[in-house]
Amino acid sequence: MKLLLFILLLLTVGCSTPSSEINMQDLPELQIEHSVEISESEELLLGSITNLLVDSDGDIIIVDGSQRYIYALSSNGDFIQQVGGRGSGPGEYEFPGPVALSDDNKLHLFDFSSRTMITYAKENGQWEYHSDFAANFNEYGFFSRFFPIANDEYFVVTNAMQVDNEDGTVVRKIDNNGNVVQDSVYTYPQNERFTVLQNGMPRMSMTIPNIHRQGRFNVDYEGNQYFGWTDSLTIFRKNKGESKFNPVLNLNVSNLPFTDAARDTLLSRYEAILSDNNQARRDLISSFPDTKPIYADYKIDDQGRIWVQMFNREEDTEWVLFSDDGDPLYKLSLPDGNNLRTVRHGSIYTVENTEEGLPVINIYSIES
């Protein structure tokens, strides 16, 4: 019932607001200037950067997923410290997963190995271990994303085993002891997905952003909540203290069709999974929709503006910047290989890999 009510709410609100048409190519190009490059150094040995955050002071937190370390850097890239360390003691982790910053500059890390949420508090420019608690996956399912909110509570985005007799995704609120404060804050269907079969049995299940319709839940720096599906440029926002979502973006943008070349390009990325499984390849081809999703992801900056990562005809992506009221402002094409991670303090933070496979952080200042 909660699932149905949430879907009806989105449909009702979405239908009540007329969509407007816009040609993204007519927007002016956002002018940016490269200001800082951060690469490997004697103190900073990098394998891969799986997460990048920027706190209210401008300091940078990065998670090295391959070497399983967390580092703090100053705004100009100077090494500050390794946050926590490998192990099983207080403040230690084995497989650092999602990270997030709360508005008081506490750093929150979920360790996949111990299934523990670890919090570090920033004091005198350094992050020190503050507290931790164990997540109870048996109570609310596995979560791959979380958002710290007021009163040391969290929104966790979980994949439930069952929701009203359907597989679904649930947003729950938990406290800093891992207990559920509010169950089924939001409930929405699972992302579209493709299941690889082997000998007639499911081998793995995948949802592929540039093929499948996916739900995107987000929270901005003010605590406002956002939700949208990637197959249309309609994004809903529930302002802090309000009870319902309203569309902040509702634009009429045409979906681009899948071409044979686009399909082959996407399939080539999954050859390791599909090369020895002709039936899986045929099944994946047959599961292709007629058109691509409109966008891959979106981010909210510290001014409440919405940055949407659009798909274009060349299979790459470009970004479109919208005001906090949903008005289109600029388009942005980043240099090849630059993956936008966050926007804060008037700067864009990206990660790219060198020819040697080493990650590099680039900071671009936004020209006013």
Protein backbone atom coordinates (compact mmCIF):
# COMPACT_ATOMS: atom_id res chain seq x y z
CA MET A 1 0.00 0.00 0.00
CA LYS A 2 2.81 2.44 0.86
CA LEU A 3 4.47 1.64 -2.46
CA LEU A 4 1.26 2.38 -4.35
CA LEU A 5 0.65 5.61 -2.45
CA PHE A 6 4.16 6.88 -3.19
CA ILE A 7 3.85 6.13 -6.90
CA LEU A 8 0.42 7.77 -7.04
CA LEU A 9 1.82 10.82 -5.23
CA LEU A 10 4.58 11.21 -7.79
CA LEU A 11 2.20 10.71 -10.70
CA THR A 12 -0.40 13.10 -9.29
CA VAL A 13 2.10 15.85 -8.57
CA GLY A 14 3.90 15.32 -11.86
CA CYS A 15 0.71 15.44 -13.91
CA SER A 16 -0.55 18.53 -12.14
CA THR A 17 2.41 20.60 -13.28
CA PRO A 18 2.74 21.20 -17.03
CA SER A 19 6.13 20.35 -18.46
CA SER A 20 8.07 22.86 -20.51
CA GLU A 21 10.21 22.24 -23.55
CA ILE A 22 13.84 23.23 -23.86
CA ASN A 23 16.67 22.61 -26.28
CA MET A 24 19.75 21.97 -24.14
CA GLN A 25 22.04 22.84 -27.04
CA ASP A 26 20.79 26.43 -26.95
CA LEU A 27 22.10 26.98 -23.42
CA PRO A 28 25.33 28.96 -22.94
CA GLU A 29 28.46 27.00 -22.04
CA LEU A 30 29.50 27.33 -18.41
CA GLN A 31 32.97 28.88 -18.23
CA ILE A 32 35.40 27.09 -15.94
CA GLU A 33 39.13 27.41 -15.30
CA HIS A 34 41.48 24.67 -14.14
CA SER A 35 42.95 25.74 -10.81
CA VAL A 36 44.42 22.71 -9.00
CA GLU A 37 45.70 19.27 -9.96
CA ILE A 38 46.24 16.67 -7.23
CA SER A 39 48.17 13.54 -8.11
CA GLU A 40 50.13 10.84 -6.35
CA SER A 41 52.90 11.97 -4.03
CA GLU A 42 55.25 10.47 -1.45
CA GLU A 43 52.55 10.81 1.23
CA LEU A 44 49.61 10.10 -1.06
CA LEU A 45 49.92 6.75 -2.83
CA LEU A 46 46.76 6.25 -4.86
CA GLY A 47 45.23 3.20 -6.49
CA SER A 48 41.70 4.34 -7.28
CA ILE A 49 39.38 7.05 -5.99
CA THR A 50 35.94 5.63 -5.30
CA ASN A 51 34.58 8.56 -3.27
CA LEU A 52 35.42 12.26 -3.04
CA LEU A 53 33.85 14.76 -0.65
CA VAL A 54 34.51 18.41 0.20
CA ASP A 55 33.72 19.76 3.67
CA SER A 56 32.54 23.24 4.67
CA ASP A 57 36.17 24.37 5.16
CA GLY A 58 37.13 23.29 1.65
CA ASP A 59 39.16 20.27 2.80
CA ILE A 60 38.91 17.19 0.60
CA ILE A 61 38.17 13.64 1.72
CA ILE A 62 39.02 10.81 -0.69
CA VAL A 63 38.48 7.08 -0.41
CA ASP A 64 41.01 4.88 -2.20
CA GLY A 65 38.92 1.80 -2.93
CA SER A 66 41.69 -0.44 -4.23
CA GLN A 67 44.14 0.23 -1.39
CA ARG A 68 41.28 0.69 1.12
CA TYR A 69 42.44 3.91 2.76
CA ILE A 70 40.83 7.27 3.47
CA TYR A 71 42.82 10.48 3.13
CA ALA A 72 42.21 14.13 3.98
CA LEU A 73 43.73 16.90 1.86
CA SER A 74 43.62 20.67 2.05
CA SER A 75 41.78 22.70 -0.58
CA ASN A 76 44.99 23.09 -2.60
CA GLY A 77 45.88 19.42 -2.37
CA ASP A 78 48.33 19.38 0.55
CA PHE A 79 48.28 16.14 2.51
CA ILE A 80 46.63 16.46 5.95
CA GLN A 81 46.28 12.91 7.24
CA GLN A 82 45.19 9.36 6.71
CA VAL A 83 41.80 9.11 8.40
CA GLY A 84 41.46 6.04 10.58
CA GLY A 85 43.36 2.97 9.46
CA ARG A 86 43.14 -0.64 8.41
CA GLY A 87 42.14 -3.03 11.14
CA SER A 88 39.30 -4.00 13.46
CA GLY A 89 39.83 -1.59 16.36
CA PRO A 90 37.97 1.64 17.11
CA GLY A 91 38.01 3.91 14.07
CA GLU A 92 39.53 1.18 11.89
CA TYR A 93 38.05 -0.45 8.80
CA GLU A 94 38.80 -3.18 6.27
CA PHE A 95 36.64 -2.33 3.24
CA PRO A 96 35.58 1.34 3.31
CA GLY A 97 32.33 1.80 1.42
CA PRO A 98 30.00 4.82 1.21
CA VAL A 99 31.06 8.01 2.99
CA ALA A 100 29.19 11.22 3.77
CA LEU A 101 29.74 14.51 5.57
CA SER A 102 27.20 16.00 7.97
CA ASP A 103 26.74 19.75 8.34
CA ASP A 104 28.94 19.80 11.47
CA ASN A 105 31.88 18.40 9.41
CA LYS A 106 31.62 14.92 10.90
CA LEU A 107 32.78 12.27 8.47
CA HIS A 108 30.65 9.12 8.36
CA LEU A 109 31.99 5.90 6.83
CA PHE A 110 30.32 2.55 6.34
CA ASP A 111 32.76 -0.37 6.55
CA PHE A 112 31.50 -3.26 4.41
CA SER A 113 33.66 -5.77 6.26
CA SER A 114 32.39 -5.18 9.80
CA ARG A 115 29.04 -3.71 8.67
CA THR A 116 29.79 -0.79 10.96
CA MET A 117 29.08 2.92 10.59
CA ILE A 118 32.13 4.82 11.83
CA THR A 119 32.08 8.54 12.61
CA TYR A 120 35.10 10.86 12.76
CA ALA A 121 34.83 14.35 14.24
CA LYS A 122 36.96 17.22 12.96
CA GLU A 123 38.90 19.03 15.67
CA ASN A 124 41.69 21.54 15.03
CA GLY A 125 41.78 20.57 11.36
CA GLN A 126 42.16 16.83 12.00
CA TRP A 127 39.60 14.00 11.87
CA GLU A 128 39.63 11.73 14.90
CA TYR A 129 37.54 8.69 15.76
CA HIS A 130 34.29 9.71 17.44
CA SER A 131 31.87 6.77 17.56
CA ASP A 132 30.51 3.75 15.73
CA PHE A 133 27.56 1.38 15.61
CA ALA A 134 26.73 -1.90 13.86
CA ALA A 135 24.13 -1.89 11.10
CA ASN A 136 21.37 -4.49 11.42
CA PHE A 137 20.84 -5.73 7.88
CA ASN A 138 18.43 -8.39 9.12
CA GLU A 139 16.09 -5.59 10.23
CA TYR A 140 16.23 -3.21 7.29
CA GLY A 141 18.23 -4.78 4.48
CA PHE A 142 21.57 -3.97 2.87
CA PHE A 143 22.22 -0.30 2.13
CA SER A 144 24.62 1.09 -0.44
CA ARG A 145 23.84 4.77 0.17
CA PHE A 146 23.15 6.83 3.25
CA PHE A 147 22.68 10.49 4.16
CA PRO A 148 23.39 11.94 7.62
CA ILE A 149 20.63 14.25 8.84
CA ALA A 150 19.86 16.20 12.02
CA ASN A 151 19.99 14.67 15.51
CA ASP A 152 22.70 12.16 14.51
CA GLU A 153 20.22 10.22 12.38
CA TYR A 154 20.56 8.85 8.85
CA PHE A 155 18.50 8.13 5.79
CA VAL A 156 19.58 4.73 4.43
CA VAL A 157 18.62 3.55 0.95
CA THR A 158 18.09 -0.19 1.19
CA ASN A 159 17.08 -2.99 -1.14
CA ALA A 160 14.39 -4.81 0.77
CA MET A 161 13.70 -8.50 0.38
CA GLN A 162 10.02 -7.74 -0.10
CA VAL A 163 7.93 -4.61 -0.07
CA ASP A 164 4.18 -5.17 -0.29
CA ASN A 165 4.90 -8.49 -2.03
CA GLU A 166 7.14 -6.79 -4.58
CA ASP A 167 10.86 -6.33 -4.77
CA GLY A 168 11.57 -2.70 -4.07
CA THR A 169 13.83 -0.01 -2.69
CA VAL A 170 13.10 1.57 0.67
CA VAL A 171 14.42 4.72 2.33
CA ARG A 172 14.46 4.35 6.11
CA LYS A 173 15.53 6.60 8.96
CA ILE A 174 17.87 5.07 11.56
CA ASP A 175 19.51 6.52 14.67
CA ASN A 176 23.17 6.48 15.73
CA ASN A 177 22.71 3.09 17.36
CA GLY A 178 21.49 1.46 14.16
CA ASN A 179 17.86 1.30 15.25
CA VAL A 180 15.01 2.10 12.87
CA VAL A 181 13.39 5.41 13.78
CA GLN A 182 11.00 5.50 10.82
CA ASP A 183 10.38 2.57 8.53
CA SER A 184 9.45 3.01 4.87
CA VAL A 185 10.00 6.75 4.77
CA TYR A 186 9.79 6.32 0.99
CA THR A 187 9.22 3.19 -1.04
CA TYR A 188 9.67 2.80 -4.77
CA PRO A 189 10.10 -0.08 -7.24
CA GLN A 190 13.46 -1.64 -7.93
CA ASN A 191 15.55 -0.29 -10.77
CA GLU A 192 15.04 -2.07 -14.06
CA ARG A 193 17.63 -4.81 -14.28
CA PHE A 194 19.00 -7.67 -16.33
CA THR A 195 19.66 -11.12 -14.88
CA VAL A 196 22.50 -13.24 -16.27
CA LEU A 197 21.57 -16.92 -16.31
CA GLN A 198 24.03 -19.80 -16.26
CA ASN A 199 22.73 -23.34 -16.81
CA GLY A 200 19.25 -21.97 -16.33
CA MET A 201 20.04 -20.49 -12.93
CA PRO A 202 20.52 -16.79 -12.04
CA ARG A 203 24.22 -15.97 -11.99
CA MET A 204 24.04 -12.25 -11.25
CA SER A 205 21.63 -9.37 -11.57
CA MET A 206 22.71 -6.02 -13.01
CA THR A 207 21.16 -2.63 -13.44
CA ILE A 208 23.04 -0.62 -16.06
CA PRO A 209 22.68 3.19 -15.84
CA ASN A 210 22.85 3.93 -19.56
CA ILE A 211 20.38 1.15 -20.43
CA HIS A 212 17.90 0.80 -17.60
CA ARG A 213 15.43 3.10 -15.86
CA GLN A 214 16.77 3.84 -12.38
CA GLY A 215 15.52 5.72 -9.34
CA ARG A 216 17.72 8.43 -7.85
CA PHE A 217 17.27 9.60 -4.24
CA ASN A 218 19.39 12.48 -2.97
CA VAL A 219 19.67 14.98 -0.12
CA ASP A 220 21.20 18.46 -0.37
CA TYR A 221 23.27 20.42 2.14
CA GLU A 222 20.12 21.95 3.66
CA GLY A 223 18.41 18.61 4.27
CA ASN A 224 15.94 18.87 1.38
CA GLN A 225 15.21 15.54 -0.31
CA TYR A 226 15.07 14.74 -4.03
CA PHE A 227 13.82 11.86 -6.12
CA GLY A 228 13.59 11.15 -9.85
CA TRP A 229 13.63 8.41 -12.48
CA THR A 230 16.32 8.59 -15.14
CA ASP A 231 13.98 8.03 -18.09
CA SER A 232 12.47 11.52 -17.82
CA LEU A 233 13.76 14.90 -16.74
CA THR A 234 11.36 15.22 -13.83
CA ILE A 235 12.99 15.55 -10.42
CA PHE A 236 10.92 16.00 -7.26
CA ARG A 237 11.98 17.83 -4.12
CA LYS A 238 10.60 17.71 -0.60
CA ASN A 239 11.78 20.74 1.28
CA LYS A 240 12.89 20.28 4.85
CA GLY A 241 9.87 20.42 7.16
CA GLU A 242 7.34 19.77 4.38
CA SER A 243 5.28 16.61 4.00
CA LYS A 244 5.27 15.95 0.26
CA PHE A 245 7.38 16.04 -2.87
CA ASN A 246 6.82 18.66 -5.57
CA PRO A 247 8.52 18.75 -8.98
CA VAL A 248 11.47 21.12 -9.09
CA LEU A 249 12.38 20.00 -12.63
CA ASN A 250 9.71 19.00 -15.14
CA LEU A 251 11.12 19.48 -18.62
CA ASN A 252 10.09 17.92 -21.89
CA VAL A 253 13.29 16.41 -23.27
CA SER A 254 13.16 13.77 -26.01
CA ASN A 255 14.73 10.41 -25.32
CA LEU A 256 17.38 9.44 -27.87
CA PRO A 257 16.92 6.08 -29.62
CA PHE A 258 19.38 3.23 -29.19
CA THR A 259 21.35 2.60 -32.38
CA ASP A 260 23.14 -0.63 -33.25
CA ALA A 261 26.46 1.15 -32.67
CA ALA A 262 25.34 2.38 -29.26
CA ARG A 263 24.16 -1.08 -28.30
CA ASP A 264 27.45 -2.70 -29.39
CA THR A 265 29.47 -0.09 -27.47
CA LEU A 266 27.55 -0.85 -24.29
CA LEU A 267 27.77 -4.62 -24.74
CA SER A 268 31.54 -4.41 -25.18
CA ARG A 269 31.83 -3.18 -21.58
CA TYR A 270 30.38 -6.45 -20.32
CA GLU A 271 32.32 -8.92 -22.45
CA ALA A 272 33.94 -10.50 -19.37
CA ILE A 273 30.49 -11.50 -18.15
CA LEU A 274 28.87 -12.34 -21.47
CA SER A 275 31.66 -13.75 -23.66
CA ASP A 276 31.10 -17.39 -22.64
CA ASN A 277 27.33 -17.08 -22.33
CA ASN A 278 25.58 -16.61 -25.66
CA GLN A 279 22.14 -16.89 -24.13
CA ALA A 280 22.95 -14.14 -21.63
CA ARG A 281 24.09 -11.91 -24.48
CA ARG A 282 20.89 -12.60 -26.44
CA ASP A 283 18.81 -11.91 -23.34
CA LEU A 284 20.59 -8.64 -22.70
CA ILE A 285 20.13 -7.53 -26.30
CA SER A 286 16.43 -8.36 -26.12
CA SER A 287 16.11 -6.37 -22.87
CA PHE A 288 17.31 -3.14 -24.48
CA PRO A 289 14.59 -0.49 -24.46
CA ASP A 290 13.89 1.49 -27.61
CA THR A 291 15.37 4.68 -26.16
CA LYS A 292 18.10 5.65 -23.74
CA PRO A 293 17.49 7.11 -20.29
CA ILE A 294 17.48 10.92 -20.30
CA TYR A 295 20.19 11.28 -17.66
CA ALA A 296 22.68 9.22 -15.67
CA ASP A 297 22.75 11.04 -12.33
CA TYR A 298 22.34 14.41 -10.66
CA LYS A 299 24.09 16.28 -7.87
CA ILE A 300 23.05 19.19 -5.67
CA ASP A 301 25.64 21.88 -4.89
CA ASP A 302 25.87 24.10 -1.81
CA GLN A 303 23.70 26.76 -3.48
CA GLY A 304 20.87 24.31 -4.08
CA ARG A 305 21.52 24.20 -7.83
CA ILE A 306 20.96 20.90 -9.62
CA TRP A 307 23.65 19.44 -11.88
CA VAL A 308 22.23 16.80 -14.23
CA GLN A 309 24.48 14.40 -16.12
CA MET A 310 22.69 14.06 -19.48
CA PHE A 311 23.21 11.39 -22.12
CA ASN A 312 23.91 12.72 -25.60
CA ARG A 313 24.08 11.28 -29.11
CA GLU A 314 27.76 10.36 -28.91
CA GLU A 315 27.18 7.96 -25.98
CA ASP A 316 29.11 10.27 -23.68
CA THR A 317 27.53 12.61 -21.18
CA GLU A 318 27.33 16.32 -20.64
CA TRP A 319 26.14 18.26 -17.64
CA VAL A 320 23.32 20.77 -17.50
CA LEU A 321 23.10 23.21 -14.59
CA PHE A 322 19.70 24.23 -13.24
CA SER A 323 18.87 26.84 -10.62
CA ASP A 324 17.34 25.82 -7.30
CA ASP A 325 13.96 26.67 -8.88
CA GLY A 326 14.61 24.35 -11.82
CA ASP A 327 15.44 26.98 -14.44
CA PRO A 328 18.06 25.82 -16.97
CA LEU A 329 21.18 28.00 -16.74
CA TYR A 330 24.19 26.44 -18.51
CA LYS A 331 25.52 23.36 -20.18
CA LEU A 332 28.95 21.99 -19.31
CA SER A 333 31.27 19.69 -21.27
CA LEU A 334 34.20 18.60 -19.14
CA PRO A 335 37.56 17.56 -20.62
CA ASP A 336 37.64 13.94 -21.75
CA GLY A 337 38.00 11.45 -18.92
CA ASN A 338 37.00 13.88 -16.17
CA ASN A 339 34.34 12.36 -13.94
CA LEU A 340 32.52 15.03 -11.94
CA ARG A 341 32.29 14.01 -8.28
CA THR A 342 31.07 17.09 -6.42
CA VAL A 343 30.49 20.84 -6.69
CA ARG A 344 31.08 23.09 -3.69
CA HIS A 345 32.60 26.49 -2.82
CA GLY A 346 32.32 27.65 -6.43
CA SER A 347 34.49 24.79 -7.71
CA ILE A 348 33.99 21.57 -9.63
CA TYR A 349 35.92 18.51 -8.43
CA THR A 350 36.61 15.76 -10.94
CA VAL A 351 38.62 12.55 -11.09
CA GLU A 352 40.40 11.22 -14.18
CA ASN A 353 42.86 8.40 -14.77
CA THR A 354 46.23 8.82 -16.46
CA GLU A 355 47.47 6.52 -19.21
CA GLU A 356 49.24 4.59 -16.45
CA GLY A 357 45.92 4.11 -14.67
CA LEU A 358 46.69 6.46 -11.77
CA PRO A 359 43.89 8.73 -10.54
CA VAL A 360 44.22 12.50 -10.68
CA ILE A 361 41.93 15.03 -9.00
CA ASN A 362 41.23 18.19 -10.99
CA ILE A 363 39.62 21.27 -9.46
CA TYR A 364 37.97 23.78 -11.78
CA SER A 365 36.84 27.19 -10.57
CA ILE A 366 33.51 28.38 -11.94
CA GLU A 367 33.85 31.77 -13.59
CA SER A 368 31.08 34.16 -12.62
